[in-house]
Amino acid sequence: MTNETLEISFEEAMAQLETIVEQLEDGDVPLEKAIDLFQQGMKLSQMCSKKLEQVEQKIEMIVEEGGELKRKPFGGTLDETGELGE
């Protein structure tokens, strides 16, 4: 991957990743090309993950505690009921 890959948008990276997955799922690529595609896909996946982490760090939630609205960083996960857990 080149430096220009690091500059692409999340959406472009996901589109490239989808193309790679389709090519690998078809199974019609030679082994060497499949390895290269897999490595490219892993790099794109890592880049997307980093971009999502950066966005998540910027997102804040406004929650009500004790009758007051407070800001909290987003980072919790949803439980089975759809409620945000700590």
PDB file of N, CA and C in Angstrom:
ATOM      1  N   MET A   1       0.838  -1.178   0.000  1.00  0.00           N
ATOM      2  CA  MET A   1       0.000   0.000   0.000  1.00  0.00           C
ATOM      3  C   MET A   1       0.880   1.237   0.000  1.00  0.00           C
ATOM      4  N   THR A   2       0.442   2.219  -0.732  1.00  0.00           N
ATOM      5  CA  THR A   2       1.204   3.444  -0.820  1.00  0.00           C
ATOM      6  C   THR A   2       0.638   4.475   0.138  1.00  0.00           C
ATOM      7  N   ASN A   3       1.323   5.613   0.232  1.00  0.00           N
ATOM      8  CA  ASN A   3       0.832   6.692   1.078  1.00  0.00           C
ATOM      9  C   ASN A   3      -0.517   7.209   0.619  1.00  0.00           C
ATOM     10  N   GLU A   4      -0.795   7.114  -0.689  1.00  0.00           N
ATOM     11  CA  GLU A   4      -2.079   7.594  -1.171  1.00  0.00           C
ATOM     12  C   GLU A   4      -3.218   6.743  -0.612  1.00  0.00           C
ATOM     13  N   THR A   5      -2.970   5.476  -0.309  1.00  0.00           N
ATOM     14  CA  THR A   5      -3.992   4.635   0.303  1.00  0.00           C
ATOM     15  C   THR A   5      -4.364   5.173   1.667  1.00  0.00           C
ATOM     16  N   LEU A   6      -3.388   5.710   2.385  1.00  0.00           N
ATOM     17  CA  LEU A   6      -3.660   6.264   3.700  1.00  0.00           C
ATOM     18  C   LEU A   6      -4.492   7.530   3.615  1.00  0.00           C
ATOM     19  N   GLU A   7      -4.543   8.158   2.442  1.00  0.00           N
ATOM     20  CA  GLU A   7      -5.263   9.399   2.257  1.00  0.00           C
ATOM     21  C   GLU A   7      -6.689   9.192   1.741  1.00  0.00           C
ATOM     22  N   ILE A   8      -7.070   7.982   1.406  1.00  0.00           N
ATOM     23  CA  ILE A   8      -8.401   7.762   0.855  1.00  0.00           C
ATOM     24  C   ILE A   8      -9.443   7.829   1.957  1.00  0.00           C
ATOM     25  N   SER A   9     -10.674   8.078   1.558  1.00  0.00           N
ATOM     26  CA  SER A   9     -11.758   8.179   2.530  1.00  0.00           C
ATOM     27  C   SER A   9     -12.159   6.789   3.028  1.00  0.00           C
ATOM     28  N   PHE A  10     -12.884   6.786   4.108  1.00  0.00           N
ATOM     29  CA  PHE A  10     -13.393   5.541   4.676  1.00  0.00           C
ATOM     30  C   PHE A  10     -14.238   4.802   3.638  1.00  0.00           C
ATOM     31  N   GLU A  11     -15.093   5.544   2.951  1.00  0.00           N
ATOM     32  CA  GLU A  11     -15.989   4.942   1.963  1.00  0.00           C
ATOM     33  C   GLU A  11     -15.212   4.313   0.808  1.00  0.00           C
ATOM     34  N   GLU A  12     -14.154   4.998   0.346  1.00  0.00           N
ATOM     35  CA  GLU A  12     -13.329   4.453  -0.733  1.00  0.00           C
ATOM     36  C   GLU A  12     -12.606   3.188  -0.272  1.00  0.00           C
ATOM     37  N   ALA A  13     -12.114   3.215   0.959  1.00  0.00           N
ATOM     38  CA  ALA A  13     -11.422   2.043   1.498  1.00  0.00           C
ATOM     39  C   ALA A  13     -12.381   0.856   1.605  1.00  0.00           C
ATOM     40  N   MET A  14     -13.605   1.117   2.053  1.00  0.00           N
ATOM     41  CA  MET A  14     -14.587   0.034   2.168  1.00  0.00           C
ATOM     42  C   MET A  14     -14.934  -0.529   0.787  1.00  0.00           C
ATOM     43  N   ALA A  15     -15.048   0.344  -0.210  1.00  0.00           N
ATOM     44  CA  ALA A  15     -15.358  -0.121  -1.570  1.00  0.00           C
ATOM     45  C   ALA A  15     -14.228  -1.002  -2.094  1.00  0.00           C
ATOM     46  N   GLN A  16     -12.984  -0.585  -1.877  1.00  0.00           N
ATOM     47  CA  GLN A  16     -11.838  -1.397  -2.302  1.00  0.00           C
ATOM     48  C   GLN A  16     -11.826  -2.735  -1.564  1.00  0.00           C
ATOM     49  N   LEU A  17     -12.130  -2.695  -0.288  1.00  0.00           N
ATOM     50  CA  LEU A  17     -12.155  -3.915   0.519  1.00  0.00           C
ATOM     51  C   LEU A  17     -13.236  -4.877   0.009  1.00  0.00           C
ATOM     52  N   GLU A  18     -14.406  -4.346  -0.343  1.00  0.00           N
ATOM     53  CA  GLU A  18     -15.477  -5.183  -0.876  1.00  0.00           C
ATOM     54  C   GLU A  18     -15.052  -5.845  -2.186  1.00  0.00           C
ATOM     55  N   THR A  19     -14.353  -5.087  -3.030  1.00  0.00           N
ATOM     56  CA  THR A  19     -13.869  -5.631  -4.301  1.00  0.00           C
ATOM     57  C   THR A  19     -12.883  -6.772  -4.059  1.00  0.00           C
ATOM     58  N   ILE A  20     -11.977  -6.566  -3.105  1.00  0.00           N
ATOM     59  CA  ILE A  20     -10.998  -7.603  -2.777  1.00  0.00           C
ATOM     60  C   ILE A  20     -11.687  -8.857  -2.261  1.00  0.00           C
ATOM     61  N   VAL A  21     -12.657  -8.670  -1.385  1.00  0.00           N
ATOM     62  CA  VAL A  21     -13.385  -9.824  -0.826  1.00  0.00           C
ATOM     63  C   VAL A  21     -14.088 -10.587  -1.936  1.00  0.00           C
ATOM     64  N   GLU A  22     -14.729  -9.863  -2.860  1.00  0.00           N
ATOM     65  CA  GLU A  22     -15.410 -10.526  -3.977  1.00  0.00           C
ATOM     66  C   GLU A  22     -14.435 -11.346  -4.818  1.00  0.00           C
ATOM     67  N   GLN A  23     -13.259 -10.769  -5.088  1.00  0.00           N
ATOM     68  CA  GLN A  23     -12.260 -11.485  -5.882  1.00  0.00           C
ATOM     69  C   GLN A  23     -11.791 -12.744  -5.162  1.00  0.00           C
ATOM     70  N   LEU A  24     -11.573 -12.632  -3.858  1.00  0.00           N
ATOM     71  CA  LEU A  24     -11.112 -13.798  -3.094  1.00  0.00           C
ATOM     72  C   LEU A  24     -12.204 -14.856  -2.980  1.00  0.00           C
ATOM     73  N   GLU A  25     -13.453 -14.419  -2.843  1.00  0.00           N
ATOM     74  CA  GLU A  25     -14.551 -15.378  -2.729  1.00  0.00           C
ATOM     75  C   GLU A  25     -14.786 -16.130  -4.037  1.00  0.00           C
ATOM     76  N   ASP A  26     -14.504 -15.475  -5.163  1.00  0.00           N
ATOM     77  CA  ASP A  26     -14.666 -16.152  -6.455  1.00  0.00           C
ATOM     78  C   ASP A  26     -13.723 -17.337  -6.570  1.00  0.00           C
ATOM     79  N   GLY A  27     -12.540 -17.219  -5.970  1.00  0.00           N
ATOM     80  CA  GLY A  27     -11.586 -18.322  -5.981  1.00  0.00           C
ATOM     81  C   GLY A  27     -10.864 -18.525  -7.292  1.00  0.00           C
ATOM     82  N   ASP A  28     -11.014 -17.582  -8.218  1.00  0.00           N
ATOM     83  CA  ASP A  28     -10.388 -17.730  -9.536  1.00  0.00           C
ATOM     84  C   ASP A  28      -9.056 -17.002  -9.653  1.00  0.00           C
ATOM     85  N   VAL A  29      -8.472 -16.603  -8.541  1.00  0.00           N
ATOM     86  CA  VAL A  29      -7.193 -15.891  -8.602  1.00  0.00           C
ATOM     87  C   VAL A  29      -6.070 -16.850  -8.214  1.00  0.00           C
ATOM     88  N   PRO A  30      -4.916 -16.697  -8.850  1.00  0.00           N
ATOM     89  CA  PRO A  30      -3.771 -17.528  -8.490  1.00  0.00           C
ATOM     90  C   PRO A  30      -3.360 -17.271  -7.035  1.00  0.00           C
ATOM     91  N   LEU A  31      -2.690 -18.230  -6.465  1.00  0.00           N
ATOM     92  CA  LEU A  31      -2.311 -18.161  -5.055  1.00  0.00           C
ATOM     93  C   LEU A  31      -1.530 -16.894  -4.716  1.00  0.00           C
ATOM     94  N   GLU A  32      -0.539 -16.559  -5.540  1.00  0.00           N
ATOM     95  CA  GLU A  32       0.285 -15.365  -5.265  1.00  0.00           C
ATOM     96  C   GLU A  32      -0.570 -14.105  -5.243  1.00  0.00           C
ATOM     97  N   LYS A  33      -1.484 -13.991  -6.198  1.00  0.00           N
ATOM     98  CA  LYS A  33      -2.368 -12.820  -6.250  1.00  0.00           C
ATOM     99  C   LYS A  33      -3.321 -12.831  -5.055  1.00  0.00           C
ATOM    100  N   ALA A  34      -3.788 -14.006  -4.667  1.00  0.00           N
ATOM    101  CA  ALA A  34      -4.683 -14.112  -3.516  1.00  0.00           C
ATOM    102  C   ALA A  34      -3.983 -13.643  -2.247  1.00  0.00           C
ATOM    103  N   ILE A  35      -2.723 -13.988  -2.103  1.00  0.00           N
ATOM    104  CA  ILE A  35      -1.951 -13.549  -0.926  1.00  0.00           C
ATOM    105  C   ILE A  35      -1.808 -12.031  -0.942  1.00  0.00           C
ATOM    106  N   ASP A  36      -1.485 -11.472  -2.112  1.00  0.00           N
ATOM    107  CA  ASP A  36      -1.363 -10.016  -2.241  1.00  0.00           C
ATOM    108  C   ASP A  36      -2.688  -9.321  -1.916  1.00  0.00           C
ATOM    109  N   LEU A  37      -3.784  -9.863  -2.457  1.00  0.00           N
ATOM    110  CA  LEU A  37      -5.098  -9.284  -2.191  1.00  0.00           C
ATOM    111  C   LEU A  37      -5.434  -9.351  -0.707  1.00  0.00           C
ATOM    112  N   PHE A  38      -5.113 -10.485  -0.084  1.00  0.00           N
ATOM    113  CA  PHE A  38      -5.373 -10.634   1.344  1.00  0.00           C
ATOM    114  C   PHE A  38      -4.600  -9.585   2.145  1.00  0.00           C
ATOM    115  N   GLN A  39      -3.332  -9.387   1.803  1.00  0.00           N
ATOM    116  CA  GLN A  39      -2.513  -8.407   2.511  1.00  0.00           C
ATOM    117  C   GLN A  39      -3.064  -6.993   2.309  1.00  0.00           C
ATOM    118  N   GLN A  40      -3.474  -6.672   1.095  1.00  0.00           N
ATOM    119  CA  GLN A  40      -4.071  -5.364   0.830  1.00  0.00           C
ATOM    120  C   GLN A  40      -5.352  -5.193   1.647  1.00  0.00           C
ATOM    121  N   GLY A  41      -6.139  -6.246   1.677  1.00  0.00           N
ATOM    122  CA  GLY A  41      -7.392  -6.205   2.435  1.00  0.00           C
ATOM    123  C   GLY A  41      -7.165  -5.995   3.918  1.00  0.00           C
ATOM    124  N   MET A  42      -6.148  -6.639   4.457  1.00  0.00           N
ATOM    125  CA  MET A  42      -5.838  -6.464   5.877  1.00  0.00           C
ATOM    126  C   MET A  42      -5.425  -5.024   6.169  1.00  0.00           C
ATOM    127  N   LYS A  43      -4.618  -4.436   5.288  1.00  0.00           N
ATOM    128  CA  LYS A  43      -4.198  -3.049   5.480  1.00  0.00           C
ATOM    129  C   LYS A  43      -5.390  -2.100   5.396  1.00  0.00           C
ATOM    130  N   LEU A  44      -6.278  -2.343   4.437  1.00  0.00           N
ATOM    131  CA  LEU A  44      -7.479  -1.511   4.314  1.00  0.00           C
ATOM    132  C   LEU A  44      -8.370  -1.666   5.543  1.00  0.00           C
ATOM    133  N   SER A  45      -8.503  -2.888   6.010  1.00  0.00           N
ATOM    134  CA  SER A  45      -9.312  -3.148   7.200  1.00  0.00           C
ATOM    135  C   SER A  45      -8.754  -2.429   8.422  1.00  0.00           C
ATOM    136  N   GLN A  46      -7.449  -2.471   8.593  1.00  0.00           N
ATOM    137  CA  GLN A  46      -6.810  -1.780   9.717  1.00  0.00           C
ATOM    138  C   GLN A  46      -7.000  -0.272   9.602  1.00  0.00           C
ATOM    139  N   MET A  47      -6.879   0.260   8.390  1.00  0.00           N
ATOM    140  CA  MET A  47      -7.059   1.688   8.179  1.00  0.00           C
ATOM    141  C   MET A  47      -8.490   2.104   8.512  1.00  0.00           C
ATOM    142  N   CYS A  48      -9.463   1.317   8.081  1.00  0.00           N
ATOM    143  CA  CYS A  48     -10.866   1.615   8.384  1.00  0.00           C
ATOM    144  C   CYS A  48     -11.102   1.573   9.886  1.00  0.00           C
ATOM    145  N   SER A  49     -10.526   0.594  10.541  1.00  0.00           N
ATOM    146  CA  SER A  49     -10.675   0.469  11.989  1.00  0.00           C
ATOM    147  C   SER A  49     -10.106   1.695  12.700  1.00  0.00           C
ATOM    148  N   LYS A  50      -8.940   2.160  12.260  1.00  0.00           N
ATOM    149  CA  LYS A  50      -8.332   3.352  12.863  1.00  0.00           C
ATOM    150  C   LYS A  50      -9.200   4.585  12.643  1.00  0.00           C
ATOM    151  N   LYS A  51      -9.752   4.718  11.436  1.00  0.00           N
ATOM    152  CA  LYS A  51     -10.608   5.862  11.149  1.00  0.00           C
ATOM    153  C   LYS A  51     -11.854   5.829  12.028  1.00  0.00           C
ATOM    154  N   LEU A  52     -12.430   4.656  12.221  1.00  0.00           N
ATOM    155  CA  LEU A  52     -13.605   4.537  13.079  1.00  0.00           C
ATOM    156  C   LEU A  52     -13.271   4.878  14.527  1.00  0.00           C
ATOM    157  N   GLU A  53     -12.110   4.447  14.999  1.00  0.00           N
ATOM    158  CA  GLU A  53     -11.681   4.779  16.361  1.00  0.00           C
ATOM    159  C   GLU A  53     -11.516   6.282  16.524  1.00  0.00           C
ATOM    160  N   GLN A  54     -10.955   6.945  15.511  1.00  0.00           N
ATOM    161  CA  GLN A  54     -10.773   8.391  15.576  1.00  0.00           C
ATOM    162  C   GLN A  54     -12.121   9.107  15.651  1.00  0.00           C
ATOM    163  N   VAL A  55     -13.072   8.649  14.860  1.00  0.00           N
ATOM    164  CA  VAL A  55     -14.397   9.262  14.868  1.00  0.00           C
ATOM    165  C   VAL A  55     -15.072   9.013  16.210  1.00  0.00           C
ATOM    166  N   GLU A  56     -14.946   7.799  16.729  1.00  0.00           N
ATOM    167  CA  GLU A  56     -15.569   7.460  17.999  1.00  0.00           C
ATOM    168  C   GLU A  56     -15.040   8.347  19.122  1.00  0.00           C
ATOM    169  N   GLN A  57     -13.765   8.682  19.078  1.00  0.00           N
ATOM    170  CA  GLN A  57     -13.177   9.533  20.103  1.00  0.00           C
ATOM    171  C   GLN A  57     -13.735  10.949  20.044  1.00  0.00           C
ATOM    172  N   LYS A  58     -14.222  11.364  18.881  1.00  0.00           N
ATOM    173  CA  LYS A  58     -14.759  12.709  18.717  1.00  0.00           C
ATOM    174  C   LYS A  58     -16.229  12.809  19.130  1.00  0.00           C
ATOM    175  N   ILE A  59     -16.904  11.681  19.174  1.00  0.00           N
ATOM    176  CA  ILE A  59     -18.336  11.674  19.456  1.00  0.00           C
ATOM    177  C   ILE A  59     -18.557  11.750  20.959  1.00  0.00           C
ATOM    178  N   GLU A  60     -19.478  12.608  21.357  1.00  0.00           N
ATOM    179  CA  GLU A  60     -19.861  12.701  22.755  1.00  0.00           C
ATOM    180  C   GLU A  60     -21.351  12.398  22.868  1.00  0.00           C
ATOM    181  N   MET A  61     -21.729  11.872  24.000  1.00  0.00           N
ATOM    182  CA  MET A  61     -23.129  11.624  24.283  1.00  0.00           C
ATOM    183  C   MET A  61     -23.602  12.672  25.283  1.00  0.00           C
ATOM    184  N   ILE A  62     -24.843  13.030  25.163  1.00  0.00           N
ATOM    185  CA  ILE A  62     -25.452  13.887  26.177  1.00  0.00           C
ATOM    186  C   ILE A  62     -26.407  12.981  26.941  1.00  0.00           C
ATOM    187  N   VAL A  63     -26.144  12.823  28.237  1.00  0.00           N
ATOM    188  CA  VAL A  63     -26.950  11.948  29.066  1.00  0.00           C
ATOM    189  C   VAL A  63     -27.522  12.740  30.236  1.00  0.00           C
ATOM    190  N   GLU A  64     -28.630  12.242  30.744  1.00  0.00           N
ATOM    191  CA  GLU A  64     -29.244  12.885  31.900  1.00  0.00           C
ATOM    192  C   GLU A  64     -28.853  12.116  33.151  1.00  0.00           C
ATOM    193  N   GLU A  65     -28.292  12.831  34.103  1.00  0.00           N
ATOM    194  CA  GLU A  65     -27.923  12.236  35.380  1.00  0.00           C
ATOM    195  C   GLU A  65     -28.398  13.164  36.491  1.00  0.00           C
ATOM    196  N   GLY A  66     -29.209  12.646  37.371  1.00  0.00           N
ATOM    197  CA  GLY A  66     -29.679  13.435  38.495  1.00  0.00           C
ATOM    198  C   GLY A  66     -30.406  14.700  38.071  1.00  0.00           C
ATOM    199  N   GLY A  67     -31.163  14.634  36.996  1.00  0.00           N
ATOM    200  CA  GLY A  67     -31.913  15.787  36.531  1.00  0.00           C
ATOM    201  C   GLY A  67     -31.099  16.785  35.726  1.00  0.00           C
ATOM    202  N   GLU A  68     -29.823  16.512  35.498  1.00  0.00           N
ATOM    203  CA  GLU A  68     -28.952  17.410  34.717  1.00  0.00           C
ATOM    204  C   GLU A  68     -28.518  16.726  33.427  1.00  0.00           C
ATOM    205  N   LEU A  69     -28.301  17.533  32.407  1.00  0.00           N
ATOM    206  CA  LEU A  69     -27.724  17.009  31.171  1.00  0.00           C
ATOM    207  C   LEU A  69     -26.216  17.140  31.271  1.00  0.00           C
ATOM    208  N   LYS A  70     -25.510  16.043  31.003  1.00  0.00           N
ATOM    209  CA  LYS A  70     -24.051  16.028  31.070  1.00  0.00           C
ATOM    210  C   LYS A  70     -23.496  15.433  29.797  1.00  0.00           C
ATOM    211  N   ARG A  71     -22.300  15.857  29.459  1.00  0.00           N
ATOM    212  CA  ARG A  71     -21.594  15.295  28.311  1.00  0.00           C
ATOM    213  C   ARG A  71     -20.690  14.173  28.771  1.00  0.00           C
ATOM    214  N   LYS A  72     -20.715  13.083  28.003  1.00  0.00           N
ATOM    215  CA  LYS A  72     -19.833  11.947  28.278  1.00  0.00           C
ATOM    216  C   LYS A  72     -19.252  11.477  26.962  1.00  0.00           C
ATOM    217  N   PRO A  73     -18.008  11.008  26.969  1.00  0.00           N
ATOM    218  CA  PRO A  73     -17.456  10.456  25.729  1.00  0.00           C
ATOM    219  C   PRO A  73     -18.178   9.178  25.361  1.00  0.00           C
ATOM    220  N   PHE A  74     -18.362   8.979  24.072  1.00  0.00           N
ATOM    221  CA  PHE A  74     -18.975   7.749  23.590  1.00  0.00           C
ATOM    222  C   PHE A  74     -17.951   6.639  23.688  1.00  0.00           C
ATOM    223  N   GLY A  75     -18.354   5.480  24.125  1.00  0.00           N
ATOM    224  CA  GLY A  75     -17.404   4.387  24.201  1.00  0.00           C
ATOM    225  C   GLY A  75     -18.032   3.141  24.767  1.00  0.00           C
ATOM    226  N   GLY A  76     -19.242   3.265  25.242  1.00  0.00           N
ATOM    227  CA  GLY A  76     -19.912   2.105  25.796  1.00  0.00           C
ATOM    228  C   GLY A  76     -20.455   1.214  24.701  1.00  0.00           C
ATOM    229  N   THR A  77     -20.951   0.065  25.113  1.00  0.00           N
ATOM    230  CA  THR A  77     -21.544  -0.863  24.162  1.00  0.00           C
ATOM    231  C   THR A  77     -22.996  -1.065  24.539  1.00  0.00           C
ATOM    232  N   LEU A  78     -23.807  -1.465  23.573  1.00  0.00           N
ATOM    233  CA  LEU A  78     -25.207  -1.711  23.829  1.00  0.00           C
ATOM    234  C   LEU A  78     -25.393  -3.126  24.366  1.00  0.00           C
ATOM    235  N   ASP A  79     -26.238  -3.254  25.396  1.00  0.00           N
ATOM    236  CA  ASP A  79     -26.539  -4.572  25.919  1.00  0.00           C
ATOM    237  C   ASP A  79     -27.695  -5.184  25.118  1.00  0.00           C
ATOM    238  N   GLU A  80     -28.231  -6.326  25.582  1.00  0.00           N
ATOM    239  CA  GLU A  80     -29.283  -7.028  24.868  1.00  0.00           C
ATOM    240  C   GLU A  80     -30.545  -6.203  24.733  1.00  0.00           C
ATOM    241  N   THR A  81     -30.809  -5.295  25.686  1.00  0.00           N
ATOM    242  CA  THR A  81     -32.028  -4.490  25.646  1.00  0.00           C
ATOM    243  C   THR A  81     -31.858  -3.236  24.812  1.00  0.00           C
ATOM    244  N   GLY A  82     -30.657  -2.987  24.312  1.00  0.00           N
ATOM    245  CA  GLY A  82     -30.398  -1.792  23.532  1.00  0.00           C
ATOM    246  C   GLY A  82     -29.944  -0.629  24.374  1.00  0.00           C
ATOM    247  N   GLU A  83     -29.770  -0.853  25.667  1.00  0.00           N
ATOM    248  CA  GLU A  83     -29.290   0.197  26.573  1.00  0.00           C
ATOM    249  C   GLU A  83     -27.785   0.266  26.512  1.00  0.00           C
ATOM    250  N   LEU A  84     -27.264   1.467  26.725  1.00  0.00           N
ATOM    251  CA  LEU A  84     -25.819   1.682  26.704  1.00  0.00           C
ATOM    252  C   LEU A  84     -25.224   1.217  28.031  1.00  0.00           C
ATOM    253  N   GLY A  85     -24.270   0.293  27.940  1.00  0.00           N
ATOM    254  CA  GLY A  85     -23.568  -0.183  29.148  1.00  0.00           C
ATOM    255  C   GLY A  85     -22.286   0.569  29.339  1.00  0.00           C
ATOM    256  N   GLU A  86     -21.708   0.477  30.518  1.00  0.00           N
ATOM    257  CA  GLU A  86     -20.447   1.164  30.818  1.00  0.00           C
ATOM    258  C   GLU A  86     -19.281   0.324  30.348  1.00  0.00           C
TER     259      GLU A  86
END
